[in-house]
């Protein structure tokens, strides 16, 4: 079975001692990656993407998006981020099933 969680330990540390110099992760149809950061043991969602490249120095998330909602929290949609996102701090990428709101953008 395909690995579902990818850790990036921080700039200069990469994903571990046995890893390739870089790793390209692409989601299959119906899945997305959740980008999370941990602060004092609590995980916070930083965004979502469908393709990312990890090397020793950072993570590049291609076509990232955020969750946006109306004022009443009755409707959500994917809000694209204008450019790819480079992340240098420790994060976790986890492949999860795509939800309905992720298929719609404003």
N, C-alpha and C. Protein backbone atom coordinates (compact mmCIF):
# COMPACT_ATOMS: atom_id res chain seq x y z
N UNK A 1 0.83 -1.18 0.00
CA UNK A 1 0.00 0.00 0.00
C UNK A 1 0.88 1.25 0.00
N UNK A 2 0.41 2.29 -0.67
CA UNK A 2 1.15 3.52 -0.80
C UNK A 2 1.21 4.28 0.53
N UNK A 3 2.35 4.87 0.80
CA UNK A 3 2.51 5.67 2.01
C UNK A 3 1.56 6.87 1.96
N UNK A 4 0.95 7.21 3.08
CA UNK A 4 -0.06 8.27 3.13
C UNK A 4 0.39 9.51 3.88
N UNK A 5 1.45 9.40 4.69
CA UNK A 5 1.92 10.53 5.49
C UNK A 5 3.40 10.78 5.18
N UNK A 6 3.73 12.05 4.93
CA UNK A 6 5.10 12.44 4.62
C UNK A 6 5.50 13.54 5.61
N UNK A 7 6.61 13.35 6.30
CA UNK A 7 7.10 14.33 7.27
C UNK A 7 8.24 15.13 6.67
N UNK A 8 8.25 16.41 6.93
CA UNK A 8 9.40 17.25 6.62
C UNK A 8 9.86 17.82 7.95
N UNK A 9 11.11 17.54 8.32
CA UNK A 9 11.61 17.87 9.65
C UNK A 9 12.15 19.28 9.79
N UNK A 10 12.26 20.00 8.70
CA UNK A 10 12.75 21.38 8.76
C UNK A 10 13.90 21.60 7.80
N UNK A 11 14.17 22.84 7.53
CA UNK A 11 15.20 23.24 6.57
C UNK A 11 16.54 22.60 6.92
N UNK A 12 17.13 21.93 5.93
CA UNK A 12 18.43 21.29 6.12
C UNK A 12 18.36 19.89 6.68
N UNK A 13 17.18 19.48 7.17
CA UNK A 13 17.04 18.16 7.76
C UNK A 13 16.26 17.20 6.88
N UNK A 14 15.42 17.71 6.00
CA UNK A 14 14.69 16.87 5.06
C UNK A 14 13.72 15.92 5.73
N UNK A 15 13.61 14.72 5.15
CA UNK A 15 12.62 13.76 5.62
C UNK A 15 13.25 12.55 6.29
N UNK A 16 14.58 12.50 6.41
CA UNK A 16 15.23 11.38 7.08
C UNK A 16 16.56 11.03 6.43
N UNK A 17 17.30 10.12 7.05
CA UNK A 17 18.65 9.77 6.58
C UNK A 17 18.64 8.90 5.33
N UNK A 18 17.64 8.07 5.13
CA UNK A 18 17.63 7.12 4.02
C UNK A 18 16.89 7.63 2.79
N UNK A 19 16.41 8.86 2.81
CA UNK A 19 15.59 9.36 1.72
C UNK A 19 16.39 9.70 0.47
N UNK A 20 15.68 9.75 -0.64
CA UNK A 20 16.24 10.25 -1.89
C UNK A 20 16.55 11.73 -1.72
N UNK A 21 17.37 12.30 -2.64
CA UNK A 21 17.65 13.73 -2.53
C UNK A 21 16.39 14.59 -2.65
N UNK A 22 15.39 14.10 -3.35
CA UNK A 22 14.11 14.79 -3.43
C UNK A 22 13.01 13.75 -3.59
N UNK A 23 11.81 14.16 -3.32
CA UNK A 23 10.65 13.26 -3.44
C UNK A 23 9.50 14.05 -4.03
N UNK A 24 8.91 13.54 -5.10
CA UNK A 24 7.74 14.15 -5.73
C UNK A 24 6.52 13.35 -5.32
N UNK A 25 5.51 14.02 -4.80
CA UNK A 25 4.29 13.37 -4.35
C UNK A 25 3.13 13.91 -5.17
N UNK A 26 2.42 13.01 -5.81
CA UNK A 26 1.22 13.39 -6.58
C UNK A 26 0.03 12.61 -6.05
N UNK A 27 -1.05 13.31 -5.89
CA UNK A 27 -2.28 12.65 -5.43
C UNK A 27 -2.98 11.98 -6.61
N UNK A 28 -3.62 10.87 -6.33
CA UNK A 28 -4.42 10.21 -7.35
C UNK A 28 -5.80 10.88 -7.40
N UNK A 29 -6.58 10.53 -8.39
CA UNK A 29 -7.93 11.06 -8.53
C UNK A 29 -8.73 10.81 -7.25
N UNK A 30 -9.38 11.85 -6.74
CA UNK A 30 -10.20 11.71 -5.55
C UNK A 30 -9.47 11.88 -4.24
N UNK A 31 -8.18 12.30 -4.28
CA UNK A 31 -7.43 12.54 -3.05
C UNK A 31 -6.74 13.90 -3.11
N UNK A 32 -6.41 14.45 -1.95
CA UNK A 32 -5.64 15.69 -1.82
C UNK A 32 -4.68 15.54 -0.65
N UNK A 33 -3.71 16.44 -0.57
CA UNK A 33 -2.80 16.47 0.56
C UNK A 33 -3.18 17.60 1.50
N UNK A 34 -3.23 17.28 2.77
CA UNK A 34 -3.45 18.28 3.81
C UNK A 34 -2.08 18.68 4.34
N UNK A 35 -1.82 19.97 4.38
CA UNK A 35 -0.56 20.50 4.89
C UNK A 35 -0.81 20.94 6.32
N UNK A 36 -0.15 20.29 7.28
CA UNK A 36 -0.36 20.64 8.69
C UNK A 36 0.94 21.01 9.36
N UNK A 37 0.83 21.91 10.32
CA UNK A 37 1.96 22.32 11.15
C UNK A 37 1.55 22.05 12.59
N UNK A 38 2.50 21.60 13.41
CA UNK A 38 2.21 21.29 14.80
C UNK A 38 2.79 22.38 15.70
N UNK A 39 1.97 22.87 16.60
CA UNK A 39 2.40 23.90 17.56
C UNK A 39 1.98 23.45 18.95
N UNK A 40 2.95 23.17 19.81
CA UNK A 40 2.70 22.70 21.17
C UNK A 40 1.81 21.47 21.19
N UNK A 41 2.05 20.56 20.25
CA UNK A 41 1.33 19.30 20.21
C UNK A 41 -0.02 19.35 19.52
N UNK A 42 -0.44 20.51 19.04
CA UNK A 42 -1.73 20.65 18.36
C UNK A 42 -1.48 20.89 16.88
N UNK A 43 -2.16 20.12 16.02
CA UNK A 43 -2.00 20.27 14.57
C UNK A 43 -2.95 21.34 14.02
N UNK A 44 -2.41 22.19 13.15
CA UNK A 44 -3.18 23.23 12.49
C UNK A 44 -3.06 23.03 10.99
N UNK A 45 -4.17 23.13 10.27
CA UNK A 45 -4.15 22.99 8.81
C UNK A 45 -3.67 24.30 8.20
N UNK A 46 -2.61 24.18 7.40
CA UNK A 46 -2.01 25.34 6.75
C UNK A 46 -2.52 25.50 5.32
N UNK A 47 -3.07 24.43 4.74
CA UNK A 47 -3.59 24.48 3.39
C UNK A 47 -3.73 23.08 2.81
N UNK A 48 -3.98 23.04 1.51
CA UNK A 48 -4.16 21.79 0.77
C UNK A 48 -3.47 21.92 -0.57
N UNK A 49 -3.07 20.79 -1.15
CA UNK A 49 -2.52 20.78 -2.51
C UNK A 49 -2.67 19.38 -3.09
N UNK A 50 -2.40 19.25 -4.38
CA UNK A 50 -2.50 17.95 -5.04
C UNK A 50 -1.14 17.42 -5.49
N UNK A 51 -0.11 18.29 -5.44
CA UNK A 51 1.23 17.87 -5.83
C UNK A 51 2.25 18.66 -5.02
N UNK A 52 3.29 17.95 -4.53
CA UNK A 52 4.34 18.61 -3.74
C UNK A 52 5.68 17.95 -4.02
N UNK A 53 6.74 18.74 -3.87
CA UNK A 53 8.09 18.21 -3.99
C UNK A 53 8.84 18.54 -2.70
N UNK A 54 9.43 17.50 -2.11
CA UNK A 54 10.21 17.66 -0.88
C UNK A 54 11.67 17.42 -1.21
N UNK A 55 12.53 18.32 -0.78
CA UNK A 55 13.97 18.06 -0.84
C UNK A 55 14.53 18.35 0.55
N UNK A 56 15.83 18.34 0.67
CA UNK A 56 16.45 18.52 1.97
C UNK A 56 16.18 19.89 2.58
N UNK A 57 15.93 20.88 1.72
CA UNK A 57 15.85 22.26 2.19
C UNK A 57 14.43 22.80 2.33
N UNK A 58 13.44 22.14 1.74
CA UNK A 58 12.10 22.67 1.85
C UNK A 58 11.08 21.85 1.10
N UNK A 59 9.86 22.33 1.12
CA UNK A 59 8.73 21.70 0.43
C UNK A 59 8.13 22.73 -0.50
N UNK A 60 7.90 22.35 -1.75
CA UNK A 60 7.19 23.21 -2.69
C UNK A 60 5.84 22.58 -2.97
N UNK A 61 4.77 23.27 -2.60
CA UNK A 61 3.41 22.80 -2.86
C UNK A 61 2.89 23.50 -4.10
N UNK A 62 2.53 22.73 -5.10
CA UNK A 62 2.05 23.28 -6.37
C UNK A 62 0.54 23.45 -6.34
N UNK A 63 0.06 24.59 -6.80
CA UNK A 63 -1.36 24.92 -6.83
C UNK A 63 -2.06 24.71 -5.49
N UNK A 64 -1.55 25.31 -4.43
CA UNK A 64 -2.19 25.14 -3.12
C UNK A 64 -3.52 25.89 -3.06
N UNK A 65 -4.36 25.47 -2.13
CA UNK A 65 -5.63 26.16 -1.92
C UNK A 65 -6.00 26.11 -0.44
N UNK A 66 -6.87 27.02 -0.06
CA UNK A 66 -7.36 27.12 1.31
C UNK A 66 -8.87 26.90 1.31
N UNK A 67 -9.43 26.60 2.46
CA UNK A 67 -10.87 26.46 2.58
C UNK A 67 -11.46 27.83 2.93
N UNK A 68 -12.44 28.25 2.14
CA UNK A 68 -13.16 29.50 2.39
C UNK A 68 -14.62 29.16 2.63
N UNK A 69 -15.29 29.96 3.45
CA UNK A 69 -16.71 29.72 3.76
C UNK A 69 -17.46 31.05 3.79
N UNK A 70 -18.77 30.97 3.61
CA UNK A 70 -19.60 32.16 3.74
C UNK A 70 -19.74 32.53 5.22
N UNK A 71 -20.33 33.70 5.48
CA UNK A 71 -20.43 34.20 6.85
C UNK A 71 -21.25 33.28 7.76
N UNK A 72 -22.21 32.58 7.22
CA UNK A 72 -23.03 31.68 8.02
C UNK A 72 -22.48 30.28 8.14
N UNK A 73 -21.33 30.05 7.53
CA UNK A 73 -20.68 28.73 7.52
C UNK A 73 -21.59 27.64 6.95
N UNK A 74 -22.40 28.03 5.96
CA UNK A 74 -23.30 27.05 5.34
C UNK A 74 -22.77 26.55 4.00
N UNK A 75 -21.79 27.24 3.43
CA UNK A 75 -21.23 26.86 2.13
C UNK A 75 -19.72 27.08 2.14
N UNK A 76 -18.95 26.07 1.71
CA UNK A 76 -17.48 26.18 1.65
C UNK A 76 -17.01 25.90 0.23
N UNK A 77 -15.83 26.45 -0.11
CA UNK A 77 -15.23 26.24 -1.41
C UNK A 77 -13.72 26.34 -1.31
N UNK A 78 -13.04 25.91 -2.35
CA UNK A 78 -11.57 25.97 -2.41
C UNK A 78 -11.15 27.34 -2.92
N UNK A 79 -10.36 28.04 -2.13
CA UNK A 79 -9.83 29.35 -2.51
C UNK A 79 -8.38 29.18 -2.95
N UNK A 80 -8.10 29.28 -4.27
CA UNK A 80 -6.73 29.07 -4.73
C UNK A 80 -5.76 30.13 -4.20
N UNK A 81 -4.54 29.70 -3.93
CA UNK A 81 -3.46 30.61 -3.59
C UNK A 81 -2.77 30.94 -4.91
N UNK A 82 -2.45 32.20 -5.13
CA UNK A 82 -1.99 32.64 -6.45
C UNK A 82 -0.74 31.94 -6.97
N UNK A 83 0.20 31.64 -6.10
CA UNK A 83 1.45 30.99 -6.52
C UNK A 83 1.66 29.72 -5.74
N UNK A 84 2.64 28.94 -6.20
CA UNK A 84 3.04 27.79 -5.40
C UNK A 84 3.58 28.27 -4.06
N UNK A 85 3.56 27.42 -3.09
CA UNK A 85 3.99 27.80 -1.74
C UNK A 85 5.26 27.03 -1.38
N UNK A 86 6.29 27.76 -0.94
CA UNK A 86 7.51 27.15 -0.41
C UNK A 86 7.41 27.16 1.11
N UNK A 87 7.69 26.01 1.73
CA UNK A 87 7.63 25.90 3.18
C UNK A 87 8.97 25.36 3.67
N UNK A 88 9.55 26.02 4.67
CA UNK A 88 10.85 25.62 5.18
C UNK A 88 10.79 25.12 6.63
N UNK A 89 9.66 25.33 7.29
CA UNK A 89 9.51 24.87 8.67
C UNK A 89 8.99 23.44 8.70
N UNK A 90 9.08 22.75 9.83
CA UNK A 90 8.59 21.37 9.90
C UNK A 90 7.08 21.30 9.63
N UNK A 91 6.70 20.37 8.75
CA UNK A 91 5.29 20.16 8.43
C UNK A 91 5.03 18.68 8.19
N UNK A 92 3.76 18.37 8.06
CA UNK A 92 3.33 17.02 7.70
C UNK A 92 2.39 17.13 6.51
N UNK A 93 2.60 16.29 5.51
CA UNK A 93 1.68 16.17 4.37
C UNK A 93 0.97 14.84 4.50
N UNK A 94 -0.33 14.86 4.49
CA UNK A 94 -1.11 13.63 4.60
C UNK A 94 -2.11 13.55 3.47
N UNK A 95 -2.11 12.43 2.78
CA UNK A 95 -3.06 12.22 1.69
C UNK A 95 -4.38 11.75 2.28
N UNK A 96 -5.45 12.49 1.95
CA UNK A 96 -6.78 12.18 2.45
C UNK A 96 -7.76 12.18 1.27
N UNK A 97 -8.95 11.66 1.51
CA UNK A 97 -9.99 11.66 0.48
C UNK A 97 -10.47 13.08 0.22
N UNK A 98 -10.72 13.38 -1.04
CA UNK A 98 -11.22 14.69 -1.44
C UNK A 98 -12.66 14.86 -0.98
N UNK A 99 -12.98 16.03 -0.46
CA UNK A 99 -14.33 16.33 -0.04
C UNK A 99 -15.01 17.18 -1.11
N UNK A 100 -16.32 17.26 -1.04
CA UNK A 100 -17.10 17.96 -2.06
C UNK A 100 -16.68 19.42 -2.21
N UNK A 101 -16.44 20.15 -1.10
CA UNK A 101 -16.09 21.56 -1.19
C UNK A 101 -14.76 21.78 -1.93
N UNK A 102 -13.87 20.80 -1.95
CA UNK A 102 -12.58 20.92 -2.60
C UNK A 102 -12.68 20.95 -4.12
N UNK A 103 -13.80 20.51 -4.64
CA UNK A 103 -14.02 20.47 -6.10
C UNK A 103 -14.56 21.79 -6.64
N UNK A 104 -14.91 22.71 -5.76
CA UNK A 104 -15.51 23.98 -6.18
C UNK A 104 -14.60 25.13 -5.80
N UNK A 105 -14.45 26.08 -6.71
CA UNK A 105 -13.69 27.29 -6.40
C UNK A 105 -14.55 28.49 -6.75
N UNK A 106 -14.18 29.63 -6.19
CA UNK A 106 -15.01 30.83 -6.41
C UNK A 106 -14.71 31.52 -7.70
